[in-house]
Protein backbone atom coordinates (compact mmCIF):
# COMPACT_ATOMS: atom_id res chain seq x y z
CA MET A 1 0.00 0.00 0.00
CA THR A 2 2.78 2.43 0.92
CA SER A 3 4.62 1.75 -2.33
CA CYS A 4 1.42 2.59 -4.27
CA LEU A 5 1.07 5.94 -2.51
CA THR A 6 4.69 6.95 -3.15
CA CYS A 7 4.33 5.75 -6.75
CA LEU A 8 1.28 7.99 -7.29
CA VAL A 9 3.24 10.95 -5.91
CA ALA A 10 6.17 10.10 -8.22
CA TYR A 11 3.94 9.87 -11.31
CA THR A 12 2.39 13.23 -10.47
CA PHE A 13 5.85 14.85 -10.40
CA LEU A 14 6.79 12.95 -13.58
CA TYR A 15 3.86 14.20 -15.64
CA MET A 16 4.33 17.76 -14.34
CA ALA A 17 8.00 17.60 -15.38
CA LEU A 18 7.17 16.27 -18.85
CA SER A 19 4.63 19.07 -19.34
CA SER A 20 7.30 21.71 -18.64
CA GLY A 21 10.40 20.21 -20.32
CA ASP A 22 11.40 18.11 -23.33
CA ALA A 23 11.57 14.33 -22.89
CA SER A 24 15.22 13.85 -23.91
CA SER A 25 16.44 16.11 -21.10
CA VAL A 26 13.76 15.35 -18.50
CA MET A 27 13.50 11.56 -18.50
CA PRO A 28 17.23 10.71 -18.19
CA ILE A 29 17.28 12.74 -14.96
CA MET A 30 15.32 9.89 -13.39
CA GLY A 31 18.67 8.10 -13.37
CA SER A 32 19.34 10.10 -10.21
CA LYS A 33 16.98 7.65 -8.50
CA VAL A 34 19.95 5.33 -8.15
CA ILE A 35 21.58 7.80 -5.76
CA PHE A 36 18.54 8.25 -3.54
CA ALA A 37 17.66 4.54 -3.58
CA GLY A 38 21.22 3.63 -2.63
CA LEU A 39 21.27 6.10 0.26
CA LEU A 40 17.83 5.09 1.54
CA ALA A 41 18.69 1.39 1.32
CA ILE A 42 21.43 1.81 3.94
CA PRO A 43 19.14 2.71 6.89
CA MET A 44 15.89 1.15 5.59
CA LEU A 45 17.18 -2.19 4.24
CA GLY A 46 20.56 -2.47 5.92
CA GLU A 47 22.36 -2.68 2.57
CA SER A 48 26.07 -2.07 2.14
CA HIS A 49 28.14 -1.95 -1.03
CA SER A 50 31.74 -1.72 -2.13
CA GLY A 51 33.37 1.56 -3.07
CA HIS A 52 33.05 0.62 -6.76
CA VAL A 53 29.25 0.72 -6.54
CA TYR A 54 29.25 4.14 -4.91
CA LEU A 55 31.69 5.38 -7.56
CA ALA A 56 29.17 4.21 -10.15
CA ALA A 57 26.45 6.18 -8.36
CA VAL A 58 28.64 9.31 -8.42
CA LEU A 59 29.14 8.91 -12.19
CA VAL A 60 25.38 8.73 -12.58
CA ALA A 61 25.08 11.99 -10.63
CA ILE A 62 27.63 13.65 -12.94
CA SER A 63 25.68 12.40 -15.95
CA ILE A 64 22.49 13.90 -14.54
CA ALA A 65 24.23 17.26 -14.12
CA ILE A 66 25.26 17.17 -17.80
CA LEU A 67 21.77 16.15 -18.88
CA SER A 68 20.29 19.12 -17.04
CA TYR A 69 21.92 21.38 -19.67
CA SER A 70 18.92 21.90 -21.89
CA PRO A 71 18.85 25.04 -24.08
CA SER A 72 15.23 25.59 -25.03
CA THR A 73 13.74 27.34 -28.02
CA SER A 74 10.66 28.22 -25.97
CA GLN A 75 12.48 29.50 -22.85
CA ASN A 76 15.39 31.91 -22.48
CA THR A 77 17.49 29.61 -20.34
CA ASP A 78 20.08 26.86 -20.71
CA PHE A 79 18.99 25.19 -17.47
CA ALA A 80 15.23 24.80 -17.13
CA LEU A 81 15.01 24.68 -13.32
CA LYS A 82 11.35 23.69 -12.97
CA PRO A 83 11.46 20.32 -14.81
CA ILE A 84 14.81 19.50 -13.17
CA LEU A 85 13.42 20.03 -9.66
CA LEU A 86 10.24 18.13 -10.50
CA MET A 87 12.24 15.17 -11.83
CA VAL A 88 14.49 15.13 -8.77
CA ALA A 89 11.36 15.08 -6.59
CA CYS A 90 10.02 12.29 -8.79
CA SER A 91 13.27 10.33 -8.38
CA ILE A 92 13.13 10.65 -4.58
CA ALA A 93 9.52 9.43 -4.50
CA PHE A 94 10.38 6.50 -6.79
CA ALA A 95 13.40 5.67 -4.59
CA PHE A 96 11.07 5.28 -1.60
CA THR A 97 8.79 3.19 -3.83
CA ASP A 98 11.66 0.81 -4.67
CA ILE A 99 12.48 0.36 -0.98
CA PHE A 100 8.86 -0.47 -0.13
CA ILE A 101 8.59 -2.84 -3.12
CA LYS A 102 11.73 -4.67 -2.00
CA ARG A 103 10.21 -5.09 1.45
CA SER A 104 6.94 -6.39 -0.04
CA LEU A 105 8.75 -9.00 -2.15
CA ALA A 106 9.85 -10.73 1.06
CA SER A 107 6.29 -12.04 1.45
CA ILE A 108 4.81 -12.04 -2.07
CA ASP A 109 5.97 -13.06 -5.55
CA PRO A 110 6.43 -10.39 -8.28
CA TYR A 111 3.39 -11.45 -10.34
CA ASN A 112 0.86 -11.31 -7.51
CA PHE A 113 2.48 -8.11 -6.32
CA MET A 114 2.04 -6.52 -9.77
CA ILE A 115 -1.68 -7.35 -9.82
CA THR A 116 -2.32 -5.76 -6.41
CA TYR A 117 0.10 -2.90 -7.06
CA ASN A 118 -1.46 -1.81 -10.36
CA LEU A 119 -5.04 -2.22 -9.13
CA LEU A 120 -4.32 0.09 -6.20
CA ILE A 121 -2.49 2.63 -8.39
CA GLY A 122 -5.35 2.60 -10.92
CA ALA A 123 -7.91 3.13 -8.17
CA GLY A 124 -5.82 5.89 -6.62
CA SER A 125 -5.53 7.67 -9.97
CA LEU A 126 -9.31 8.13 -10.05
CA ILE A 127 -9.00 10.96 -7.54
CA LEU A 128 -7.63 13.10 -10.39
CA ILE A 129 -10.90 13.01 -12.32
CA PRO A 130 -12.45 16.06 -10.55
CA TYR A 131 -9.20 17.98 -11.17
CA LEU A 132 -9.22 17.06 -14.86
CA LYS A 133 -12.84 18.10 -15.24
CA ASN A 134 -12.09 21.41 -13.52
CA LYS A 135 -9.26 21.99 -16.01
CA LYS A 136 -11.62 20.97 -18.85
CA VAL A 137 -9.30 18.12 -19.83
CA PRO A 138 -11.13 15.22 -21.54
CA VAL A 139 -11.36 12.33 -19.06
CA VAL A 140 -11.95 9.74 -21.79
CA PRO A 141 -9.25 9.97 -24.50
CA LYS A 142 -10.17 9.39 -28.12
CA GLY A 143 -8.45 8.71 -31.41
CA ARG A 144 -4.67 9.03 -31.52
CA VAL A 145 -4.43 10.02 -27.85
CA LEU A 146 -6.25 6.81 -26.86
CA TRP A 147 -3.91 4.59 -28.89
CA LEU A 148 -0.82 6.36 -27.59
CA GLY A 149 -2.14 5.96 -24.04
CA LEU A 150 -2.76 2.24 -24.53
CA ALA A 151 0.71 1.72 -26.01
CA SER A 152 2.27 3.68 -23.15
CA ALA A 153 0.31 1.67 -20.57
CA PHE A 154 1.42 -1.64 -22.09
CA PHE A 155 5.11 -0.78 -22.09
CA LEU A 156 4.85 0.74 -18.61
CA LEU A 157 3.33 -2.46 -17.22
CA LEU A 158 5.97 -4.59 -18.96
CA ALA A 159 8.83 -2.38 -17.74
CA THR A 160 7.47 -2.31 -14.18
CA LEU A 161 7.08 -6.09 -14.10
CA LEU A 162 10.64 -6.66 -15.31
CA PHE A 163 11.98 -4.16 -12.78
CA VAL A 164 10.06 -5.81 -9.91
CA ILE A 165 11.43 -9.21 -10.94
CA SER A 166 14.95 -7.77 -11.00
CA LEU A 167 14.40 -6.36 -7.49
CA GLU A 168 13.43 -9.83 -6.28
CA ILE A 169 16.46 -11.48 -7.89
CA ALA A 170 19.02 -8.85 -6.89
CA LYS A 171 20.56 -8.69 -3.44
CA GLY A 172 19.50 -5.05 -3.00
CA VAL A 173 17.96 -2.10 -4.82
CA LEU A 174 21.11 -0.30 -6.00
CA ILE A 175 22.24 -2.58 -8.84
CA PRO A 176 18.77 -2.82 -10.50
CA ASN A 177 18.56 0.98 -10.40
CA ILE A 178 21.99 1.40 -12.00
CA LEU A 179 20.95 -1.01 -14.75
CA GLN A 180 17.66 0.81 -15.24
CA SER A 181 19.57 4.02 -15.85
CA THR A 182 20.46 2.74 -19.34
CA ARG A 183 17.08 3.94 -20.54
CA GLY A 184 18.56 7.44 -20.66
CA VAL A 185 20.57 6.41 -23.73
CA PHE A 186 17.53 5.02 -25.52
CA ILE A 187 15.38 8.05 -24.63
CA VAL A 188 17.96 10.44 -26.10
CA LEU A 189 18.25 8.39 -29.31
CA ILE A 190 14.49 7.92 -29.72
CA SER A 191 13.81 11.60 -29.00
CA ALA A 192 16.42 12.65 -31.56
CA ALA A 193 14.74 10.43 -34.15
CA LEU A 194 11.17 11.52 -33.41
CA ALA A 195 11.59 15.19 -32.56
CA ARG A 196 12.42 16.36 -36.10
CA GLY A 197 9.25 17.65 -37.67
CA SER A 198 7.27 17.34 -34.43
CA ALA A 199 5.63 20.39 -32.90
CA ALA A 200 5.06 18.50 -29.63
CA LEU A 201 8.73 17.91 -28.86
CA GLU A 202 11.63 20.29 -28.33
CA THR A 203 14.24 20.25 -31.10
CA PRO A 204 17.62 21.22 -29.62
CA SER A 205 20.74 21.29 -31.75
CA ILE A 206 22.74 18.22 -32.73
CA LYS A 207 25.46 19.41 -30.33
CA VAL A 208 23.03 19.24 -27.40
CA TYR A 209 21.84 15.76 -28.41
CA LEU A 210 25.45 14.57 -28.62
CA LEU A 211 26.12 16.00 -25.16
CA ARG A 212 23.10 14.14 -23.80
CA LEU A 213 24.22 10.95 -25.50
CA LEU A 214 27.68 11.35 -23.94
CA ALA A 215 26.13 11.81 -20.49
CA SER A 216 23.88 8.79 -20.96
CA SER A 217 26.87 6.73 -22.13
CA LEU A 218 28.66 7.71 -18.93
CA ILE A 219 25.83 5.95 -17.10
CA ILE A 220 26.71 2.81 -19.07
CA VAL A 221 30.29 3.12 -17.78
CA SER A 222 28.93 3.38 -14.25
CA ILE A 223 27.01 0.14 -14.79
CA TRP A 224 30.17 -1.66 -15.90
CA ILE A 225 31.99 -0.39 -12.80
CA ALA A 226 29.14 -1.46 -10.51
CA LEU A 227 28.86 -4.95 -12.00
CA SER A 228 32.63 -5.50 -12.11
CA SER A 229 32.70 -5.28 -8.31
């Protein structure tokens, strides 16, 4: 139950961040979750790791700092503070979620956990309906929005299930989070491919995309360091 509440808070911050920043700079910042999850796991789960693992976490932090450089065509700033702060808040909430999920897996298997977890999150999301109606946002999506929502929901469920299974298999929460940080690379590449010609996505220069790709690749190096220990 606690993991569902923290997850709802995290998703709220996530969607607010995506509405105020472009995906290729916002989403990779969630890699900072590895730092908060690693720190929280020490007092809450009694985890301990070698210096190599903490070095990997520091490299992730450096990568996040590079990714926060996001010159925008719609804002006169190179560092959009609002989406960065929202994503950091999202990462902290998700870090708590990972800790509570790890605790839950001591008494339930990942598949039964996913059923209960998603049912509770879905029910909890219904409290947003009055807010959406007040903002005159359509509650029932149609057409392209509906299909995009269904596709997003499918991949979200699949990704969450795989992550929960990895949490059960792994000794702690730090290594699965470092591995999950690889999505930053794919997000940058996919955003670069889809942004051209799209009015819905920011279109920074090739130089900025290359910088983001370099930062995301640094996360891959941190994974190698973590696993080599």
